[in-house]
Amino acid sequence: MDEQKGLQSLDKLKTLGFSDNVVVHQLDVKNSASIASFADFINTKFGKLDILVNNAGVNGIIVDERNLSLHDQEVTGVQALMTKQIMLQTYETAKDCIETNYFGTKHVTEALLPFLKSSPSPWIVNLTTGVSKLENIKDEKARKMLSDVDRLTEDVLDEVVTGFLRDAKDDLLEKKGWNEPFSAYILSKTVVNAYTRVLAKKYPSFRINSVNPGFTKTDMTYYQGIYTPEEAAVGPVKLALLPDDGPTGRFFFQTEETTF
């Protein structure tokens, strides 16, 4: 969304000799006008789209960065940080997380589908996370709805996230089994996995998969993690370059297929 950061990245790529092959365009995945502008740009500049990688995401929490660094040695684990009020999820941050991670992915994909259909080999790669497995969905009703693969539809997914936000607003998340500040993030990415399955079934000629790149050292994780961005990029790149008869509707950890 930050165009300046995009231009800075472009300048860096110029030093590597990629300037003729890289362009930058601002996109706010929560803004319908911005999405429409981006789709128009794709149409005007290229006329089609071969690969879409959905990587926009927020963690859905407020972090007290100062106290986080102060307590690095004093406390460990999410629960301890919650107790210290270092990590906090509010209804507003949960709503922003769902709107960005799920609805943002969905609305951008919908806007770009006409250009993907014009490609002889269309691919979609949805970035997700290791905590997005169905076993981490604490709300029994939501887990059951997301586990019923044969009945998965976009309407079902919308119902799940709408119900979660209603519970968040009514302060019912703990009653439903959620006891961590990342509940919106976990749910949003699990729903993205489900959306991947829905799309793959709807467009069998596409190659559509979700991938967990691993716990990566980025600004989103406050540069905590196991993998460098370069290491984490290997899986998404592999999925973006699958052969026409490659897997679709699957979930990967880096380059290896895993279970939902």
Protein backbone atom coordinates (compact mmCIF):
# COMPACT_ATOMS: atom_id res chain seq x y z
CA MET A 1 0.00 0.00 0.00
CA ASP A 2 2.99 2.29 0.63
CA GLU A 3 3.96 3.47 -2.85
CA GLN A 4 7.20 5.01 -1.57
CA LYS A 5 8.39 1.62 -0.33
CA GLY A 6 7.55 0.16 -3.71
CA LEU A 7 9.62 2.79 -5.47
CA GLN A 8 12.50 2.16 -3.09
CA SER A 9 12.33 -1.53 -3.93
CA LEU A 10 12.29 -0.66 -7.63
CA ASP A 11 15.45 1.42 -7.20
CA LYS A 12 17.12 -1.53 -5.50
CA LEU A 13 16.09 -3.85 -8.33
CA LYS A 14 17.54 -1.43 -10.85
CA THR A 15 20.95 -2.04 -9.32
CA LEU A 16 20.42 -5.76 -10.00
CA GLY A 17 19.53 -5.20 -13.63
CA PHE A 18 15.78 -5.84 -13.45
CA SER A 19 14.52 -2.31 -14.13
CA ASP A 20 13.13 -3.13 -17.58
CA ASN A 21 10.99 -5.95 -16.20
CA VAL A 22 9.60 -4.42 -13.01
CA VAL A 23 6.88 -1.80 -12.53
CA VAL A 24 5.24 -0.46 -9.39
CA HIS A 25 1.59 0.46 -8.83
CA GLN A 26 -0.03 1.43 -5.54
CA LEU A 27 -2.79 -0.86 -4.21
CA ASP A 28 -4.93 -0.67 -1.09
CA VAL A 29 -6.68 -4.04 -0.82
CA LYS A 30 -9.38 -2.57 1.45
CA ASN A 31 -10.30 0.20 -0.97
CA SER A 32 -12.60 -0.67 -3.89
CA ALA A 33 -11.51 2.36 -5.93
CA SER A 34 -7.86 1.42 -5.47
CA ILE A 35 -8.55 -2.16 -6.54
CA ALA A 36 -10.43 -0.93 -9.64
CA SER A 37 -7.53 1.40 -10.49
CA PHE A 38 -5.07 -1.46 -10.16
CA ALA A 39 -7.20 -3.73 -12.36
CA ASP A 40 -7.39 -0.98 -14.99
CA PHE A 41 -3.60 -0.64 -14.83
CA ILE A 42 -3.16 -4.39 -15.45
CA ASN A 43 -5.57 -4.23 -18.37
CA THR A 44 -3.94 -1.19 -19.95
CA LYS A 45 -0.33 -2.22 -19.36
CA PHE A 46 -0.52 -5.96 -20.03
CA GLY A 47 -4.02 -7.00 -21.15
CA LYS A 48 -3.72 -10.27 -19.23
CA LEU A 49 -2.28 -11.71 -16.03
CA ASP A 50 -0.38 -14.98 -15.71
CA ILE A 51 0.44 -15.06 -12.00
CA LEU A 52 -1.28 -13.50 -8.98
CA VAL A 53 0.43 -13.73 -5.59
CA ASN A 54 -1.77 -12.51 -2.74
CA ASN A 55 0.62 -11.47 0.02
CA ALA A 56 -1.09 -8.50 1.69
CA GLY A 57 -1.59 -9.12 5.39
CA VAL A 58 -1.72 -7.64 8.89
CA ASN A 59 -1.43 -9.43 12.23
CA GLY A 60 -4.56 -7.93 13.81
CA ILE A 61 -2.98 -6.90 17.09
CA ILE A 62 -1.57 -3.86 18.85
CA VAL A 63 1.97 -4.39 20.08
CA ASP A 64 3.70 -2.26 22.69
CA GLU A 65 7.10 -2.40 20.97
CA ARG A 66 8.95 -0.64 23.77
CA ASN A 67 7.77 -3.07 26.43
CA LEU A 68 8.15 -5.99 24.03
CA SER A 69 11.89 -5.36 23.89
CA LEU A 70 12.05 -4.78 27.66
CA HIS A 71 10.36 -8.12 28.36
CA ASP A 72 12.27 -10.21 25.80
CA GLN A 73 14.18 -11.96 28.58
CA GLU A 74 11.53 -11.63 31.29
CA VAL A 75 8.53 -13.33 29.69
CA THR A 76 8.05 -15.86 26.94
CA GLY A 77 5.05 -16.95 24.94
CA VAL A 78 1.93 -15.19 23.73
CA GLN A 79 -0.05 -15.74 26.92
CA ALA A 80 2.64 -14.06 29.04
CA LEU A 81 2.78 -11.12 26.66
CA MET A 82 -1.01 -10.83 26.80
CA THR A 83 -0.89 -10.74 30.60
CA LYS A 84 1.61 -7.91 30.42
CA GLN A 85 -0.68 -6.13 27.93
CA ILE A 86 2.19 -6.12 25.41
CA MET A 87 -0.02 -7.74 22.75
CA LEU A 88 -3.67 -6.80 22.47
CA GLN A 89 -6.45 -7.54 20.01
CA THR A 90 -9.43 -5.18 19.89
CA TYR A 91 -12.59 -5.36 17.83
CA GLU A 92 -11.15 -2.67 15.54
CA THR A 93 -7.87 -4.53 14.96
CA ALA A 94 -9.74 -7.81 14.43
CA LYS A 95 -12.02 -6.17 11.86
CA ASP A 96 -9.05 -4.63 10.06
CA CYS A 97 -7.33 -8.02 10.01
CA ILE A 98 -10.33 -9.82 8.49
CA GLU A 99 -10.93 -7.04 5.96
CA THR A 100 -7.29 -7.05 4.86
CA ASN A 101 -6.33 -10.71 4.94
CA TYR A 102 -9.53 -12.33 3.73
CA PHE A 103 -11.77 -9.76 2.05
CA GLY A 104 -8.75 -7.95 0.57
CA THR A 105 -7.49 -11.19 -0.98
CA LYS A 106 -10.98 -12.04 -2.21
CA HIS A 107 -11.78 -8.65 -3.74
CA VAL A 108 -8.41 -8.28 -5.48
CA THR A 109 -8.71 -11.80 -6.90
CA GLU A 110 -12.25 -11.13 -8.16
CA ALA A 111 -11.11 -7.93 -9.88
CA LEU A 112 -8.21 -9.68 -11.62
CA LEU A 113 -9.95 -12.92 -12.61
CA PRO A 114 -10.88 -11.61 -16.10
CA PHE A 115 -7.19 -11.05 -16.88
CA LEU A 116 -6.17 -14.42 -15.44
CA LYS A 117 -8.75 -16.08 -17.67
CA SER A 118 -6.98 -14.50 -20.65
CA SER A 119 -3.76 -16.29 -19.76
CA PRO A 120 -2.99 -19.72 -21.23
CA SER A 121 -1.54 -20.78 -17.87
CA PRO A 122 -3.04 -18.85 -14.92
CA TRP A 123 -1.67 -19.31 -11.41
CA ILE A 124 -2.80 -17.94 -8.04
CA VAL A 125 -0.66 -18.24 -4.91
CA ASN A 126 -2.18 -17.25 -1.56
CA LEU A 127 0.27 -16.58 1.27
CA THR A 128 -0.86 -18.00 4.59
CA THR A 129 0.65 -19.21 7.87
CA GLY A 130 1.41 -22.30 9.91
CA VAL A 131 -1.19 -21.38 12.54
CA SER A 132 -3.93 -21.43 9.89
CA LYS A 133 -4.52 -25.16 10.15
CA LEU A 134 -8.10 -26.16 10.95
CA GLU A 135 -7.01 -27.65 14.29
CA ASN A 136 -6.29 -24.10 15.50
CA ILE A 137 -9.87 -22.89 14.97
CA LYS A 138 -11.24 -22.78 18.51
CA ASP A 139 -14.87 -22.08 17.63
CA GLU A 140 -16.40 -25.53 17.13
CA LYS A 141 -19.11 -24.32 14.75
CA ALA A 142 -16.64 -22.40 12.58
CA ARG A 143 -14.23 -25.35 12.50
CA LYS A 144 -17.01 -27.68 11.42
CA MET A 145 -18.12 -25.32 8.64
CA LEU A 146 -14.57 -24.90 7.33
CA SER A 147 -13.86 -28.64 7.53
CA ASP A 148 -16.83 -29.62 5.36
CA VAL A 149 -14.96 -29.39 2.05
CA ASP A 150 -17.88 -30.55 -0.11
CA ARG A 151 -20.06 -27.69 1.15
CA LEU A 152 -17.46 -24.94 1.11
CA THR A 153 -18.61 -21.84 -0.74
CA GLU A 154 -17.79 -18.16 -0.56
CA ASP A 155 -21.10 -17.62 1.24
CA VAL A 156 -20.02 -20.11 3.92
CA LEU A 157 -16.67 -18.33 4.33
CA ASP A 158 -18.37 -14.95 4.59
CA GLU A 159 -20.71 -16.37 7.22
CA VAL A 160 -17.78 -17.67 9.29
CA VAL A 161 -15.89 -14.37 9.35
CA THR A 162 -19.08 -12.33 9.92
CA GLY A 163 -19.92 -14.54 12.90
CA PHE A 164 -16.40 -14.15 14.29
CA LEU A 165 -16.56 -10.36 14.07
CA ARG A 166 -19.98 -10.36 15.70
CA ASP A 167 -18.54 -12.40 18.58
CA ALA A 168 -15.56 -10.06 18.81
CA LYS A 169 -17.84 -7.05 19.02
CA ASP A 170 -19.99 -8.72 21.70
CA ASP A 171 -16.89 -9.82 23.65
CA LEU A 172 -17.72 -13.51 23.20
CA LEU A 173 -14.46 -14.79 21.72
CA GLU A 174 -13.14 -16.25 24.97
CA LYS A 175 -16.44 -18.03 25.53
CA LYS A 176 -16.08 -19.58 22.06
CA GLY A 177 -12.63 -20.92 22.98
CA TRP A 178 -10.37 -18.15 21.68
CA ASN A 179 -7.82 -17.15 24.29
CA GLU A 180 -5.02 -15.57 22.29
CA PRO A 181 -4.63 -12.14 20.67
CA PHE A 182 -4.02 -13.67 17.23
CA SER A 183 -7.51 -15.14 16.85
CA ALA A 184 -8.46 -12.82 13.97
CA TYR A 185 -5.18 -13.52 12.20
CA ILE A 186 -5.55 -17.28 12.62
CA LEU A 187 -9.13 -17.27 11.38
CA SER A 188 -8.45 -14.91 8.46
CA LYS A 189 -5.66 -17.10 7.12
CA THR A 190 -7.61 -20.33 7.66
CA VAL A 191 -10.42 -18.81 5.62
CA VAL A 192 -7.90 -17.85 2.92
CA ASN A 193 -6.92 -21.53 2.78
CA ALA A 194 -10.59 -22.45 2.39
CA TYR A 195 -11.00 -19.76 -0.28
CA THR A 196 -8.11 -21.39 -2.13
CA ARG A 197 -10.04 -24.66 -2.19
CA VAL A 198 -13.22 -22.95 -3.36
CA LEU A 199 -11.42 -21.19 -6.21
CA ALA A 200 -9.53 -24.32 -7.28
CA LYS A 201 -12.82 -26.21 -7.58
CA LYS A 202 -14.45 -23.34 -9.47
CA TYR A 203 -11.56 -22.88 -11.90
CA PRO A 204 -10.07 -26.33 -12.57
CA SER A 205 -7.85 -25.06 -15.42
CA PHE A 206 -6.06 -22.70 -13.00
CA ARG A 207 -3.27 -23.74 -10.60
CA ILE A 208 -4.39 -22.26 -7.25
CA ASN A 209 -2.60 -23.06 -3.99
CA SER A 210 -1.90 -21.61 -0.57
CA VAL A 211 1.54 -21.63 1.03
CA ASN A 212 2.98 -21.10 4.49
CA PRO A 213 6.44 -19.57 3.93
CA GLY A 214 7.45 -20.21 7.55
CA PHE A 215 8.14 -17.88 10.47
CA THR A 216 9.97 -15.15 8.58
CA LYS A 217 12.02 -12.19 9.78
CA THR A 218 10.04 -9.21 8.48
CA ASP A 219 8.66 -5.96 9.86
CA MET A 220 5.35 -7.76 10.49
CA THR A 221 7.10 -10.11 12.95
CA TYR A 222 9.31 -7.34 14.35
CA TYR A 223 12.19 -9.17 12.66
CA GLN A 224 11.73 -12.22 14.87
CA GLY A 225 11.67 -15.53 13.05
CA ILE A 226 13.50 -18.53 11.68
CA TYR A 227 13.73 -17.81 7.97
CA THR A 228 15.09 -14.92 5.95
CA PRO A 229 12.80 -13.37 3.32
CA GLU A 230 14.95 -15.01 0.65
CA GLU A 231 14.46 -18.45 2.21
CA ALA A 232 10.73 -17.86 2.70
CA ALA A 233 10.28 -16.84 -0.94
CA VAL A 234 11.32 -20.23 -2.33
CA GLY A 235 7.93 -21.90 -1.76
CA PRO A 236 5.75 -19.13 -3.23
CA VAL A 237 8.04 -18.85 -6.27
CA LYS A 238 7.88 -22.60 -6.87
CA LEU A 239 4.07 -22.54 -6.73
CA ALA A 240 3.95 -19.53 -9.05
CA LEU A 241 5.92 -21.48 -11.66
CA LEU A 242 4.10 -24.82 -11.53
CA PRO A 243 3.63 -26.78 -14.76
CA ASP A 244 0.16 -26.79 -16.31
CA ASP A 245 -0.55 -30.22 -14.81
CA GLY A 246 0.74 -29.29 -11.35
CA PRO A 247 -1.25 -29.60 -8.12
CA THR A 248 -4.11 -27.23 -7.36
CA GLY A 249 -6.29 -26.59 -4.32
CA ARG A 250 -3.47 -27.65 -2.00
CA PHE A 251 -1.71 -26.25 1.06
CA PHE A 252 2.09 -26.15 1.22
CA PHE A 253 4.70 -25.50 3.88
CA GLN A 254 7.42 -23.88 1.82
CA THR A 255 7.94 -26.41 -1.01
CA GLU A 256 6.28 -29.44 0.58
CA GLU A 257 2.55 -30.21 0.54
CA THR A 258 0.95 -30.37 3.98
CA THR A 259 -2.52 -30.92 5.42
CA PHE A 260 -5.17 -28.25 5.91
